[in-house]
Protein backbone atom coordinates (compact mmCIF):
# COMPACT_ATOMS: atom_id res chain seq x y z
CA MET A 1 0.00 0.00 0.00
CA GLU A 2 1.35 3.35 -0.98
CA LEU A 3 2.34 5.83 1.73
CA SER A 4 -0.14 8.39 0.44
CA THR A 5 -2.97 5.87 0.68
CA MET A 6 -1.99 4.90 4.24
CA LEU A 7 -1.79 8.58 5.22
CA PHE A 8 -5.23 9.21 3.71
CA LEU A 9 -6.76 6.30 5.65
CA PHE A 10 -5.09 7.44 8.88
CA VAL A 11 -6.35 11.01 8.48
CA SER A 12 -9.85 9.72 7.62
CA PHE A 13 -9.84 7.56 10.76
CA LEU A 14 -8.83 10.53 12.93
CA THR A 15 -11.49 12.69 11.27
CA ILE A 16 -14.20 10.12 12.07
CA LEU A 17 -13.07 9.91 15.71
CA PHE A 18 -12.90 13.68 16.03
CA SER A 19 -16.32 14.09 14.42
CA LYS A 20 -17.87 11.58 16.84
CA SER A 21 -16.34 13.41 19.79
CA LEU A 22 -17.48 16.75 18.42
CA ILE A 23 -21.05 15.50 17.92
CA LYS A 24 -21.06 14.02 21.42
CA PHE A 25 -19.76 17.30 22.84
CA PHE A 26 -22.33 19.47 21.14
CA PHE A 27 -25.19 17.20 22.17
CA SER A 28 -24.04 16.99 25.79
CA SER A 29 -25.02 19.49 28.49
CA LYS A 30 -21.53 21.00 28.33
CA GLY A 31 -21.65 21.31 24.54
CA ARG A 32 -24.99 23.04 24.60
CA GLN A 33 -23.48 25.64 26.91
CA LEU A 34 -26.24 25.50 29.47
CA PRO A 35 -26.77 28.87 31.12
CA LEU A 36 -25.99 29.51 34.75
CA PRO A 37 -29.02 30.28 36.92
CA PRO A 38 -30.12 33.94 36.86
CA GLY A 39 -28.77 36.32 39.47
CA THR A 40 -25.85 38.58 40.25
CA MET A 41 -22.37 37.85 41.61
CA GLY A 42 -21.59 41.22 43.19
CA TRP A 43 -18.10 42.65 43.58
CA PRO A 44 -14.92 40.71 42.73
CA TYR A 45 -13.75 38.49 45.61
CA ILE A 46 -16.27 39.74 48.21
CA GLY A 47 -19.33 39.04 46.05
CA GLU A 48 -22.60 39.93 47.80
CA THR A 49 -21.59 38.97 51.33
CA PHE A 50 -21.83 42.54 52.64
CA GLN A 51 -25.24 43.02 51.06
CA MET A 52 -26.47 39.85 52.71
CA TYR A 53 -25.21 40.65 56.22
CA SER A 54 -26.06 44.36 56.09
CA GLN A 55 -29.70 43.24 56.42
CA ASP A 56 -31.56 40.18 57.59
CA PRO A 57 -30.11 37.38 55.39
CA ASN A 58 -33.61 35.94 55.00
CA VAL A 59 -34.80 39.26 53.55
CA PHE A 60 -31.81 39.21 51.19
CA PHE A 61 -32.80 35.74 49.97
CA ALA A 62 -36.51 36.63 49.75
CA THR A 63 -35.71 39.65 47.57
CA LYS A 64 -33.65 37.47 45.25
CA ILE A 65 -36.39 34.85 45.04
CA LYS A 66 -38.97 37.49 44.14
CA ARG A 67 -36.74 38.80 41.35
CA TYR A 68 -35.20 35.61 39.93
CA GLY A 69 -37.40 32.72 41.02
CA SER A 70 -36.71 29.58 43.05
CA ILE A 71 -33.17 29.06 41.74
CA PHE A 72 -30.59 31.81 41.43
CA LYS A 73 -26.86 32.44 41.65
CA SER A 74 -24.84 34.69 43.95
CA HIS A 75 -21.39 34.93 45.50
CA ILE A 76 -21.27 34.89 49.31
CA LEU A 77 -18.74 33.99 52.00
CA GLY A 78 -16.01 33.72 49.38
CA TYR A 79 -17.75 31.20 47.11
CA PRO A 80 -19.91 31.21 43.96
CA CYS A 81 -23.25 29.77 45.01
CA VAL A 82 -26.59 28.57 43.70
CA MET A 83 -29.55 29.11 46.04
CA ILE A 84 -32.62 26.87 45.90
CA SER A 85 -36.01 27.61 47.47
CA ASP A 86 -38.15 24.87 45.94
CA PRO A 87 -38.99 21.95 48.30
CA GLU A 88 -38.52 19.21 45.71
CA ALA A 89 -35.29 20.76 44.45
CA ALA A 90 -33.99 20.95 48.02
CA LYS A 91 -34.78 17.25 48.53
CA PHE A 92 -32.93 16.45 45.32
CA VAL A 93 -29.79 18.29 46.43
CA LEU A 94 -29.83 16.83 49.95
CA ASN A 95 -30.46 13.25 48.81
CA LYS A 96 -28.00 13.08 45.90
CA ALA A 97 -24.76 12.55 47.82
CA GLN A 98 -23.00 11.44 44.62
CA LEU A 99 -23.60 14.89 43.13
CA PHE A 100 -23.57 17.22 46.13
CA LYS A 101 -21.30 16.74 49.13
CA PRO A 102 -21.56 18.46 52.53
CA THR A 103 -19.04 21.25 52.87
CA PHE A 104 -17.91 23.53 55.69
CA PRO A 105 -15.19 26.17 56.12
CA ALA A 106 -11.81 24.62 56.99
CA SER A 107 -11.77 26.37 60.39
CA LYS A 108 -15.00 24.58 61.38
CA GLU A 109 -13.49 21.22 60.44
CA ARG A 110 -10.43 21.94 62.56
CA MET A 111 -12.54 22.93 65.53
CA LEU A 112 -15.04 20.07 65.50
CA GLY A 113 -12.71 17.43 64.06
CA LYS A 114 -12.03 16.42 60.46
CA GLN A 115 -13.37 12.90 61.02
CA ALA A 116 -16.81 14.14 62.16
CA ILE A 117 -19.82 12.83 60.25
CA PHE A 118 -20.76 16.28 58.89
CA PHE A 119 -17.64 16.49 56.71
CA HIS A 120 -17.93 13.14 54.93
CA GLN A 121 -20.06 11.13 52.56
CA GLY A 122 -20.03 7.62 51.15
CA ALA A 123 -19.39 4.43 53.13
CA TYR A 124 -17.79 6.16 56.12
CA HIS A 125 -20.75 8.54 56.49
CA ALA A 126 -23.24 5.68 56.07
CA ASN A 127 -21.52 3.65 58.79
CA LEU A 128 -21.58 6.58 61.24
CA ARG A 129 -25.21 7.33 60.45
CA ARG A 130 -26.12 3.69 61.14
CA LEU A 131 -24.31 3.77 64.48
CA VAL A 132 -26.03 7.01 65.54
CA LEU A 133 -29.50 5.85 64.53
CA ARG A 134 -28.98 2.55 66.32
CA THR A 135 -28.45 4.45 69.57
CA PHE A 136 -31.69 6.39 69.18
CA ARG A 137 -34.03 3.55 68.32
CA PRO A 138 -37.34 3.69 70.25
CA GLU A 139 -36.41 0.66 72.35
CA VAL A 140 -33.24 2.44 73.48
CA ILE A 141 -34.90 5.80 74.14
CA LYS A 142 -37.67 4.11 76.18
CA ASP A 143 -35.17 3.31 78.91
CA LYS A 144 -33.97 6.92 79.10
CA VAL A 145 -37.33 8.73 79.37
CA SER A 146 -37.38 8.69 83.17
CA TYR A 147 -33.81 10.02 83.32
CA ILE A 148 -34.65 12.83 80.89
CA GLU A 149 -37.71 13.71 82.99
CA SER A 150 -35.50 13.83 86.08
CA ILE A 151 -33.14 16.27 84.34
CA ALA A 152 -36.12 18.44 83.34
CA GLN A 153 -37.54 18.46 86.86
CA SER A 154 -34.15 19.39 88.28
CA CYS A 155 -33.93 22.32 85.88
CA LEU A 156 -37.43 23.54 86.72
CA LYS A 157 -36.68 23.36 90.43
CA SER A 158 -33.51 25.41 89.98
CA TRP A 159 -35.54 28.17 88.28
CA GLU A 160 -37.97 28.69 91.15
CA GLY A 161 -38.05 32.28 92.37
CA LYS A 162 -35.48 33.40 89.80
CA MET A 163 -35.37 35.57 86.71
CA ILE A 164 -33.83 33.36 84.04
CA THR A 165 -32.55 33.70 80.49
CA THR A 166 -34.57 31.00 78.75
CA PHE A 167 -32.09 30.22 75.99
CA LEU A 168 -29.15 29.76 78.38
CA GLU A 169 -31.19 27.50 80.64
CA MET A 170 -32.38 25.45 77.68
CA LYS A 171 -28.78 25.04 76.59
CA THR A 172 -27.91 23.64 79.99
CA PHE A 173 -30.86 21.25 79.84
CA THR A 174 -30.11 19.98 76.32
CA PHE A 175 -26.42 19.62 77.14
CA ASN A 176 -27.21 17.40 80.13
CA VAL A 177 -29.57 15.28 78.03
CA ALA A 178 -26.93 14.99 75.30
CA LEU A 179 -24.35 13.80 77.84
CA LEU A 180 -26.81 11.19 79.10
CA SER A 181 -27.47 9.91 75.58
CA ILE A 182 -23.80 9.77 74.64
CA PHE A 183 -22.06 8.72 77.85
CA GLY A 184 -24.85 7.21 79.92
CA LYS A 185 -24.16 7.42 83.64
CA ASP A 186 -20.47 8.12 82.99
CA GLU A 187 -21.41 11.74 82.28
CA ASN A 188 -21.67 12.37 86.02
CA LEU A 189 -17.91 11.90 86.34
CA TYR A 190 -16.88 14.29 83.58
CA GLY A 191 -19.95 16.51 83.07
CA GLU A 192 -18.58 19.74 84.52
CA ASP A 193 -15.25 19.53 82.66
CA LEU A 194 -17.03 18.74 79.39
CA LYS A 195 -19.46 21.61 79.93
CA ARG A 196 -16.67 24.10 80.66
CA CYS A 197 -14.76 23.12 77.51
CA TYR A 198 -17.88 23.23 75.34
CA TYR A 199 -18.78 26.73 76.49
CA THR A 200 -15.31 27.92 75.47
CA LEU A 201 -15.53 26.07 72.15
CA GLU A 202 -18.92 27.61 71.43
CA ARG A 203 -17.73 31.17 72.06
CA GLY A 204 -14.98 30.77 69.50
CA TYR A 205 -16.91 28.81 66.87
CA ASN A 206 -18.03 31.82 64.81
CA SER A 207 -14.99 33.98 65.56
CA MET A 208 -12.34 34.97 63.03
CA PRO A 209 -10.07 31.91 62.55
CA ILE A 210 -6.93 33.60 63.86
CA ASN A 211 -5.06 31.15 66.05
CA LEU A 212 -3.08 33.63 68.15
CA PRO A 213 -2.92 33.71 71.98
CA GLY A 214 -5.77 35.72 73.47
CA THR A 215 -8.17 35.30 70.55
CA LEU A 216 -11.47 33.48 70.93
CA PHE A 217 -10.41 31.06 68.21
CA HIS A 218 -7.18 30.19 70.04
CA LYS A 219 -9.06 29.62 73.29
CA ALA A 220 -11.58 27.45 71.45
CA MET A 221 -8.83 25.32 69.92
CA LYS A 222 -7.26 24.83 73.36
CA ALA A 223 -10.66 23.75 74.70
CA ARG A 224 -10.99 21.38 71.72
CA LYS A 225 -7.67 19.78 72.65
CA GLU A 226 -8.78 19.37 76.26
CA LEU A 227 -12.06 17.79 75.12
CA ALA A 228 -10.10 15.23 73.12
CA GLN A 229 -8.01 14.42 76.22
CA ILE A 230 -11.12 13.95 78.38
CA LEU A 231 -12.66 11.65 75.77
CA ALA A 232 -9.43 9.66 75.51
CA GLN A 233 -9.60 9.12 79.27
CA ILE A 234 -13.24 8.00 79.12
CA ILE A 235 -12.50 5.61 76.26
CA SER A 236 -9.48 4.15 78.05
CA THR A 237 -11.47 3.62 81.26
CA ARG A 238 -14.24 1.84 79.39
CA ARG A 239 -11.83 -0.45 77.60
CA ASN A 240 -10.20 -1.43 80.89
CA MET A 241 -13.62 -2.20 82.43
CA LYS A 242 -14.56 -4.39 79.44
CA GLN A 243 -18.27 -3.72 79.83
CA ASP A 244 -20.94 -3.12 77.19
CA HIS A 245 -22.69 0.26 77.27
CA ASN A 246 -26.02 1.01 75.62
CA ASP A 247 -25.17 4.58 74.63
CA LEU A 248 -23.65 6.37 71.65
CA LEU A 249 -20.06 6.08 72.87
CA GLY A 250 -20.61 2.35 73.36
CA SER A 251 -21.94 2.10 69.81
CA PHE A 252 -18.88 3.92 68.44
CA MET A 253 -16.50 1.76 70.49
CA SER A 254 -18.00 -1.55 69.38
CA GLU A 255 -15.74 -3.83 67.38
CA GLU A 256 -18.12 -3.83 64.40
CA ALA A 257 -17.98 -0.01 64.22
CA GLY A 258 -14.33 -0.16 63.15
CA LEU A 259 -13.56 3.38 64.34
CA SER A 260 -10.24 4.70 65.60
CA ASP A 261 -10.09 6.68 68.85
CA GLU A 262 -9.58 9.87 66.83
CA GLN A 263 -12.69 9.17 64.76
CA ILE A 264 -14.69 8.43 67.91
CA ALA A 265 -13.55 11.68 69.58
CA ASP A 266 -14.23 13.84 66.52
CA ASN A 267 -17.76 12.48 66.15
CA ILE A 268 -18.65 12.73 69.84
CA ILE A 269 -17.42 16.33 69.98
CA GLY A 270 -19.23 17.26 66.77
CA LEU A 271 -22.54 15.61 67.64
CA ILE A 272 -22.78 17.19 71.08
CA PHE A 273 -21.98 20.58 69.61
CA ALA A 274 -24.59 20.22 66.85
CA ALA A 275 -27.37 18.83 69.05
CA ARG A 276 -27.00 21.21 71.96
CA ASP A 277 -27.48 24.56 70.28
CA THR A 278 -30.19 23.62 67.78
CA THR A 279 -32.35 21.76 70.32
CA ALA A 280 -32.02 24.55 72.87
CA THR A 281 -33.09 27.06 70.22
CA VAL A 282 -36.21 25.04 69.34
CA LEU A 283 -37.19 24.75 73.02
CA THR A 284 -36.75 28.50 73.49
CA TRP A 285 -38.99 29.27 70.51
CA ILE A 286 -41.62 26.83 71.84
CA VAL A 287 -41.71 28.76 75.12
CA LYS A 288 -42.04 32.03 73.20
CA TYR A 289 -44.87 30.88 70.94
CA LEU A 290 -46.81 29.26 73.77
CA GLY A 291 -46.50 32.49 75.75
CA GLU A 292 -47.86 34.48 72.82
CA ASN A 293 -50.71 32.10 71.96
CA THR A 294 -52.92 31.57 75.01
CA SER A 295 -55.35 29.16 73.36
CA VAL A 296 -52.52 26.90 72.19
CA LEU A 297 -50.93 26.99 75.66
CA GLU A 298 -54.25 26.02 77.22
CA ALA A 299 -54.64 23.10 74.78
CA VAL A 300 -51.13 21.81 75.52
CA THR A 301 -51.66 22.19 79.28
CA GLU A 302 -54.97 20.32 79.12
CA GLU A 303 -53.36 17.51 77.13
CA GLN A 304 -50.55 17.10 79.65
CA GLU A 305 -52.88 17.30 82.65
CA SER A 306 -55.23 14.72 81.11
CA ILE A 307 -52.33 12.27 80.98
CA LEU A 308 -51.66 12.90 84.68
CA ARG A 309 -55.36 12.42 85.55
CA ALA A 310 -55.46 9.14 83.65
CA LYS A 311 -52.44 7.92 85.63
CA GLU A 312 -54.06 8.89 88.92
CA GLU A 313 -57.31 7.15 88.04
CA SER A 314 -55.57 3.94 86.99
CA GLY A 315 -53.09 3.92 89.86
CA GLU A 316 -50.20 3.99 87.41
CA GLU A 317 -46.84 5.46 88.39
CA MET A 318 -46.86 9.21 87.87
CA GLY A 319 -43.52 9.39 86.06
CA LEU A 320 -43.38 10.03 82.33
CA ASN A 321 -42.94 6.96 80.12
CA TRP A 322 -42.61 6.19 76.43
CA SER A 323 -46.28 5.36 75.88
CA ASP A 324 -47.27 8.77 77.29
CA THR A 325 -45.42 10.49 74.44
CA LYS A 326 -47.71 8.70 71.99
CA ASN A 327 -50.72 10.47 73.54
CA MET A 328 -49.56 14.03 72.89
CA PRO A 329 -50.87 15.01 69.42
CA VAL A 330 -51.34 18.69 70.33
CA THR A 331 -47.84 18.91 71.82
CA SER A 332 -46.40 17.19 68.74
CA ARG A 333 -48.09 19.68 66.41
CA VAL A 334 -46.70 22.58 68.45
CA ILE A 335 -43.21 21.16 68.01
CA GLN A 336 -43.71 20.68 64.26
CA GLU A 337 -45.06 24.19 63.76
CA THR A 338 -42.19 25.66 65.82
CA LEU A 339 -39.66 23.82 63.66
CA ARG A 340 -41.35 25.27 60.58
CA ILE A 341 -41.85 28.86 61.59
CA ALA A 342 -38.60 29.30 63.55
CA SER A 343 -36.52 27.45 60.92
CA ILE A 344 -33.49 27.01 63.16
CA LEU A 345 -31.22 26.40 60.16
CA SER A 346 -31.89 29.07 57.53
CA PHE A 347 -29.78 27.18 54.99
CA THR A 348 -27.04 24.63 54.67
CA PHE A 349 -24.08 24.19 52.34
CA ARG A 350 -23.53 21.51 49.72
CA GLU A 351 -20.88 21.48 47.00
CA ALA A 352 -21.28 20.16 43.45
CA VAL A 353 -18.74 17.35 42.97
CA GLU A 354 -19.12 17.58 39.18
CA ASP A 355 -20.91 19.74 36.62
CA VAL A 356 -24.63 19.20 37.22
CA GLU A 357 -27.48 19.94 34.84
CA PHE A 358 -30.42 21.05 36.96
CA GLN A 359 -33.78 22.43 35.78
CA GLY A 360 -32.19 23.59 32.54
CA TYR A 361 -29.27 25.31 34.24
CA LEU A 362 -25.65 24.40 34.80
CA ILE A 363 -24.30 24.14 38.35
CA PRO A 364 -20.52 24.08 37.82
CA LYS A 365 -18.28 21.71 39.72
CA GLY A 366 -17.03 23.26 42.97
CA TRP A 367 -19.92 25.72 43.32
CA LYS A 368 -21.77 25.78 46.63
CA VAL A 369 -25.46 24.91 46.60
CA LEU A 370 -27.66 26.31 49.39
CA PRO A 371 -31.15 24.91 50.06
CA LEU A 372 -32.95 27.84 51.71
CA PHE A 373 -34.99 26.13 54.44
CA ARG A 374 -36.45 29.25 56.00
CA ASN A 375 -37.64 30.66 52.69
CA ILE A 376 -39.23 27.30 51.85
CA HIS A 377 -41.01 27.18 55.21
CA HIS A 378 -42.21 30.77 54.91
CA SER A 379 -43.45 30.63 51.34
CA PRO A 380 -47.23 31.08 50.84
CA ASP A 381 -46.89 28.56 48.00
CA ASN A 382 -46.09 25.89 50.60
CA PHE A 383 -47.99 27.06 53.70
CA LYS A 384 -51.12 29.18 54.02
CA GLU A 385 -50.46 32.33 56.08
CA PRO A 386 -46.85 31.26 56.67
CA GLU A 387 -46.08 33.95 59.27
CA LYS A 388 -48.91 32.78 61.51
CA PHE A 389 -48.17 30.31 64.31
CA ASP A 390 -50.81 27.67 63.67
CA PRO A 391 -50.10 24.12 64.90
CA SER A 392 -53.44 22.95 63.47
CA ARG A 393 -51.86 22.98 60.00
CA PHE A 394 -50.18 19.71 61.00
CA GLU A 395 -53.40 17.93 61.99
CA VAL A 396 -53.74 14.58 60.30
CA ILE A 397 -57.04 14.35 58.40
CA ILE A 398 -58.52 10.88 58.79
């Protein structure tokens, strides 16, 4: 075969391959040059962060939604972002771990621990989630109800005749319940040291990440180190005792869990930190809304007192038990409505792990994606009269 013929065939072969690739490119989402969501990116580097924090962030988001719709782009906290305020879209983002991974600032990872469940996905995350859920199965919680009631009664007694700051007292209550759930009765031995370290950690959590002596961040990191030392001591003591414990630490320490001591410590520290503040905030809002809505307060009070009367009439022990919680529909609706209207987490961060085509738009790899929980919960498209506290909206129609 002549050289010219061979060269012609070779060039033809390359042309066919190139043409196939070109066709594939132009018919792919990348080739079609999908547009970014509508919106503005603000100033170089700083984006629209100042605009967001110079007002109520929820108002900032609401204004954007009104102008651009349920999906829009912006640039906040140093990152290009896509905001989502549609319930189904939010579910998609939160449930597609292969497309959107949890993401946090590096300083938060350092403070809570890089092995904490919040910063991972995949098999490691699934294993941790299984271990946590196993600890909070109904059959496990049943045995702790009386202890939780005792903590609540102790708190109420300590408030008698005093002017209190509700949020601070609720934080103390939720912290004590968290220690019970995680350490069981061992929390009595280390409770005060753990509490002291957590208070310091909390004060530095949202501070500027400058690790110099005297700064809140530096103090928080020192407290984080001390927390790890306390946990190492608890873990060592448990291993020497060679006893099974039906609590979260016991679940993490089990042989099947396959976790290192560092992974155990990071997850214990992170879970206590996450649970304490959010739960205390919900309880504080419940107190506020009950105080502002007399008829709802009366309904909740009547429901609780009817449970007590039924116990008296039947001769049953007066303490709270698991079955009692199943007879509190009004109380449950108050909790649900508080979670909706207070929206403790206004939004969360996810990061696109690859280019994602979504509702006709391109979400580029590396961009942050923010489901806007508060805006979803306060949209008249999702809830009638969304600014009204109305637990009856959660009544189950039979």
